[in-house]
Amino acid sequence: MAKKTVASLQKGGGKQHSKVIKLVRSEKSGAYVFTEEIVHNDNIEAFFKG
């Protein structure tokens, strides 16, 4: 699946997006979980706030 994502980002609009990773604490177990998303560069700060 990662190869498909990378290939689709290389078709022109890929420079406008970034892969962001956020560390979130799980309410169930209390352990930390990584949340990954591909976000448009204008929405990076909103991703980390919310």
PDB file of N, CA and C in Angstrom:
ATOM      1  N   MET A   1       0.819  -1.190   0.000  1.00  0.00           N
ATOM      2  CA  MET A   1       0.000   0.000   0.000  1.00  0.00           C
ATOM      3  C   MET A   1       0.865   1.257   0.000  1.00  0.00           C
ATOM      4  N   ALA A   2       1.988   1.212   0.659  1.00  0.00           N
ATOM      5  CA  ALA A   2       2.855   2.376   0.699  1.00  0.00           C
ATOM      6  C   ALA A   2       3.352   2.736  -0.690  1.00  0.00           C
ATOM      7  N   LYS A   3       3.645   1.729  -1.507  1.00  0.00           N
ATOM      8  CA  LYS A   3       4.130   2.000  -2.856  1.00  0.00           C
ATOM      9  C   LYS A   3       3.060   2.720  -3.674  1.00  0.00           C
ATOM     10  N   LYS A   4       1.815   2.331  -3.490  1.00  0.00           N
ATOM     11  CA  LYS A   4       0.728   2.957  -4.232  1.00  0.00           C
ATOM     12  C   LYS A   4       0.582   4.417  -3.806  1.00  0.00           C
ATOM     13  N   THR A   5       0.703   4.695  -2.519  1.00  0.00           N
ATOM     14  CA  THR A   5       0.587   6.060  -2.020  1.00  0.00           C
ATOM     15  C   THR A   5       1.709   6.926  -2.562  1.00  0.00           C
ATOM     16  N   VAL A   6       2.920   6.424  -2.509  1.00  0.00           N
ATOM     17  CA  VAL A   6       4.065   7.184  -2.999  1.00  0.00           C
ATOM     18  C   VAL A   6       3.939   7.433  -4.490  1.00  0.00           C
ATOM     19  N   ALA A   7       3.497   6.437  -5.246  1.00  0.00           N
ATOM     20  CA  ALA A   7       3.344   6.588  -6.688  1.00  0.00           C
ATOM     21  C   ALA A   7       2.293   7.633  -7.022  1.00  0.00           C
ATOM     22  N   SER A   8       1.214   7.682  -6.279  1.00  0.00           N
ATOM     23  CA  SER A   8       0.168   8.653  -6.569  1.00  0.00           C
ATOM     24  C   SER A   8       0.603  10.066  -6.200  1.00  0.00           C
ATOM     25  N   LEU A   9       1.490  10.207  -5.211  1.00  0.00           N
ATOM     26  CA  LEU A   9       1.958  11.534  -4.832  1.00  0.00           C
ATOM     27  C   LEU A   9       2.979  12.089  -5.817  1.00  0.00           C
ATOM     28  N   GLN A  10       3.601  11.234  -6.614  1.00  0.00           N
ATOM     29  CA  GLN A  10       4.611  11.690  -7.547  1.00  0.00           C
ATOM     30  C   GLN A  10       4.022  12.198  -8.852  1.00  0.00           C
ATOM     31  N   LYS A  11       2.723  12.208  -8.982  1.00  0.00           N
ATOM     32  CA  LYS A  11       2.081  12.639 -10.225  1.00  0.00           C
ATOM     33  C   LYS A  11       1.757  14.136 -10.201  1.00  0.00           C
ATOM     34  N   GLY A  12       2.689  14.972  -9.786  1.00  0.00           N
ATOM     35  CA  GLY A  12       2.506  16.408  -9.895  1.00  0.00           C
ATOM     36  C   GLY A  12       2.171  17.110  -8.602  1.00  0.00           C
ATOM     37  N   GLY A  13       1.183  16.667  -7.851  1.00  0.00           N
ATOM     38  CA  GLY A  13       0.751  17.385  -6.664  1.00  0.00           C
ATOM     39  C   GLY A  13       1.392  16.903  -5.386  1.00  0.00           C
ATOM     40  N   GLY A  14       2.396  16.080  -5.487  1.00  0.00           N
ATOM     41  CA  GLY A  14       3.001  15.487  -4.304  1.00  0.00           C
ATOM     42  C   GLY A  14       3.774  16.448  -3.428  1.00  0.00           C
ATOM     43  N   LYS A  15       4.273  17.520  -4.013  1.00  0.00           N
ATOM     44  CA  LYS A  15       5.047  18.476  -3.223  1.00  0.00           C
ATOM     45  C   LYS A  15       4.156  19.314  -2.319  1.00  0.00           C
ATOM     46  N   GLN A  16       2.871  19.285  -2.550  1.00  0.00           N
ATOM     47  CA  GLN A  16       1.937  20.054  -1.745  1.00  0.00           C
ATOM     48  C   GLN A  16       1.429  19.258  -0.549  1.00  0.00           C
ATOM     49  N   HIS A  17       1.847  18.005  -0.415  1.00  0.00           N
ATOM     50  CA  HIS A  17       1.397  17.156   0.676  1.00  0.00           C
ATOM     51  C   HIS A  17       2.587  16.661   1.482  1.00  0.00           C
ATOM     52  N   SER A  18       2.336  16.377   2.753  1.00  0.00           N
ATOM     53  CA  SER A  18       3.375  15.844   3.625  1.00  0.00           C
ATOM     54  C   SER A  18       2.793  14.713   4.455  1.00  0.00           C
ATOM     55  N   LYS A  19       3.636  13.747   4.771  1.00  0.00           N
ATOM     56  CA  LYS A  19       3.233  12.674   5.668  1.00  0.00           C
ATOM     57  C   LYS A  19       3.563  13.131   7.076  1.00  0.00           C
ATOM     58  N   VAL A  20       2.560  13.193   7.946  1.00  0.00           N
ATOM     59  CA  VAL A  20       2.748  13.659   9.317  1.00  0.00           C
ATOM     60  C   VAL A  20       2.452  12.520  10.279  1.00  0.00           C
ATOM     61  N   ILE A  21       3.198  12.483  11.351  1.00  0.00           N
ATOM     62  CA  ILE A  21       3.059  11.452  12.373  1.00  0.00           C
ATOM     63  C   ILE A  21       2.884  12.142  13.714  1.00  0.00           C
ATOM     64  N   LYS A  22       1.821  11.756  14.438  1.00  0.00           N
ATOM     65  CA  LYS A  22       1.522  12.365  15.725  1.00  0.00           C
ATOM     66  C   LYS A  22       1.458  11.268  16.788  1.00  0.00           C
ATOM     67  N   LEU A  23       2.018  11.545  17.942  1.00  0.00           N
ATOM     68  CA  LEU A  23       1.999  10.616  19.062  1.00  0.00           C
ATOM     69  C   LEU A  23       0.773  10.929  19.914  1.00  0.00           C
ATOM     70  N   VAL A  24      -0.106   9.943  20.093  1.00  0.00           N
ATOM     71  CA  VAL A  24      -1.363  10.129  20.819  1.00  0.00           C
ATOM     72  C   VAL A  24      -1.449   9.100  21.924  1.00  0.00           C
ATOM     73  N   ARG A  25      -1.918   9.502  23.086  1.00  0.00           N
ATOM     74  CA  ARG A  25      -2.081   8.567  24.192  1.00  0.00           C
ATOM     75  C   ARG A  25      -3.467   7.921  24.109  1.00  0.00           C
ATOM     76  N   SER A  26      -3.500   6.587  24.158  1.00  0.00           N
ATOM     77  CA  SER A  26      -4.751   5.850  24.076  1.00  0.00           C
ATOM     78  C   SER A  26      -5.510   5.964  25.392  1.00  0.00           C
ATOM     79  N   GLU A  27      -6.810   6.239  25.303  1.00  0.00           N
ATOM     80  CA  GLU A  27      -7.625   6.346  26.509  1.00  0.00           C
ATOM     81  C   GLU A  27      -7.886   4.979  27.120  1.00  0.00           C
ATOM     82  N   LYS A  28      -7.948   3.947  26.284  1.00  0.00           N
ATOM     83  CA  LYS A  28      -8.228   2.594  26.759  1.00  0.00           C
ATOM     84  C   LYS A  28      -7.112   2.019  27.610  1.00  0.00           C
ATOM     85  N   SER A  29      -5.909   1.966  27.016  1.00  0.00           N
ATOM     86  CA  SER A  29      -4.809   1.279  27.688  1.00  0.00           C
ATOM     87  C   SER A  29      -3.795   2.226  28.307  1.00  0.00           C
ATOM     88  N   GLY A  30      -3.810   3.475  27.926  1.00  0.00           N
ATOM     89  CA  GLY A  30      -2.837   4.424  28.437  1.00  0.00           C
ATOM     90  C   GLY A  30      -1.523   4.386  27.678  1.00  0.00           C
ATOM     91  N   ALA A  31      -1.405   3.505  26.709  1.00  0.00           N
ATOM     92  CA  ALA A  31      -0.180   3.402  25.909  1.00  0.00           C
ATOM     93  C   ALA A  31      -0.197   4.472  24.822  1.00  0.00           C
ATOM     94  N   TYR A  32       0.962   4.763  24.295  1.00  0.00           N
ATOM     95  CA  TYR A  32       1.074   5.736  23.215  1.00  0.00           C
ATOM     96  C   TYR A  32       0.923   5.049  21.861  1.00  0.00           C
ATOM     97  N   VAL A  33       0.234   5.729  20.954  1.00  0.00           N
ATOM     98  CA  VAL A  33      -0.048   5.205  19.627  1.00  0.00           C
ATOM     99  C   VAL A  33       0.358   6.273  18.609  1.00  0.00           C
ATOM    100  N   PHE A  34       0.945   5.840  17.509  1.00  0.00           N
ATOM    101  CA  PHE A  34       1.308   6.760  16.440  1.00  0.00           C
ATOM    102  C   PHE A  34       0.165   6.864  15.444  1.00  0.00           C
ATOM    103  N   THR A  35      -0.202   8.086  15.072  1.00  0.00           N
ATOM    104  CA  THR A  35      -1.221   8.342  14.069  1.00  0.00           C
ATOM    105  C   THR A  35      -0.526   8.948  12.856  1.00  0.00           C
ATOM    106  N   GLU A  36      -0.657   8.299  11.696  1.00  0.00           N
ATOM    107  CA  GLU A  36      -0.017   8.768  10.469  1.00  0.00           C
ATOM    108  C   GLU A  36      -1.077   9.183   9.463  1.00  0.00           C
ATOM    109  N   GLU A  37      -0.838  10.295   8.789  1.00  0.00           N
ATOM    110  CA  GLU A  37      -1.730  10.742   7.724  1.00  0.00           C
ATOM    111  C   GLU A  37      -0.925  11.501   6.685  1.00  0.00           C
ATOM    112  N   ILE A  38      -1.446  11.558   5.487  1.00  0.00           N
ATOM    113  CA  ILE A  38      -0.886  12.409   4.445  1.00  0.00           C
ATOM    114  C   ILE A  38      -1.807  13.617   4.346  1.00  0.00           C
ATOM    115  N   VAL A  39      -1.241  14.793   4.638  1.00  0.00           N
ATOM    116  CA  VAL A  39      -2.022  16.010   4.806  1.00  0.00           C
ATOM    117  C   VAL A  39      -1.488  17.077   3.858  1.00  0.00           C
ATOM    118  N   HIS A  40      -2.371  17.918   3.362  1.00  0.00           N
ATOM    119  CA  HIS A  40      -1.954  19.058   2.542  1.00  0.00           C
ATOM    120  C   HIS A  40      -1.142  20.004   3.426  1.00  0.00           C
ATOM    121  N   ASN A  41      -0.147  20.644   2.859  1.00  0.00           N
ATOM    122  CA  ASN A  41       0.755  21.493   3.633  1.00  0.00           C
ATOM    123  C   ASN A  41       0.051  22.638   4.342  1.00  0.00           C
ATOM    124  N   ASP A  42      -1.080  23.089   3.843  1.00  0.00           N
ATOM    125  CA  ASP A  42      -1.824  24.162   4.497  1.00  0.00           C
ATOM    126  C   ASP A  42      -2.528  23.684   5.762  1.00  0.00           C
ATOM    127  N   ASN A  43      -2.730  22.384   5.915  1.00  0.00           N
ATOM    128  CA  ASN A  43      -3.500  21.846   7.032  1.00  0.00           C
ATOM    129  C   ASN A  43      -2.644  21.120   8.075  1.00  0.00           C
ATOM    130  N   ILE A  44      -1.342  21.275   8.030  1.00  0.00           N
ATOM    131  CA  ILE A  44      -0.474  20.551   8.962  1.00  0.00           C
ATOM    132  C   ILE A  44      -0.699  21.004  10.392  1.00  0.00           C
ATOM    133  N   GLU A  45      -0.761  22.305  10.629  1.00  0.00           N
ATOM    134  CA  GLU A  45      -0.948  22.809  11.990  1.00  0.00           C
ATOM    135  C   GLU A  45      -2.301  22.378  12.554  1.00  0.00           C
ATOM    136  N   ALA A  46      -3.328  22.340  11.724  1.00  0.00           N
ATOM    137  CA  ALA A  46      -4.655  21.907  12.175  1.00  0.00           C
ATOM    138  C   ALA A  46      -4.635  20.435  12.568  1.00  0.00           C
ATOM    139  N   PHE A  47      -3.833  19.628  11.861  1.00  0.00           N
ATOM    140  CA  PHE A  47      -3.717  18.206  12.196  1.00  0.00           C
ATOM    141  C   PHE A  47      -3.133  18.027  13.594  1.00  0.00           C
ATOM    142  N   PHE A  48      -2.098  18.807  13.925  1.00  0.00           N
ATOM    143  CA  PHE A  48      -1.459  18.643  15.222  1.00  0.00           C
ATOM    144  C   PHE A  48      -2.279  19.256  16.353  1.00  0.00           C
ATOM    145  N   LYS A  49      -3.127  20.228  16.065  1.00  0.00           N
ATOM    146  CA  LYS A  49      -3.969  20.825  17.106  1.00  0.00           C
ATOM    147  C   LYS A  49      -5.148  19.921  17.455  1.00  0.00           C
ATOM    148  N   GLY A  50      -5.719  19.285  16.440  1.00  0.00           N
ATOM    149  CA  GLY A  50      -6.954  18.524  16.656  1.00  0.00           C
ATOM    150  C   GLY A  50      -6.808  17.073  16.751  1.00  0.00           C
TER     151      GLY A  50
END
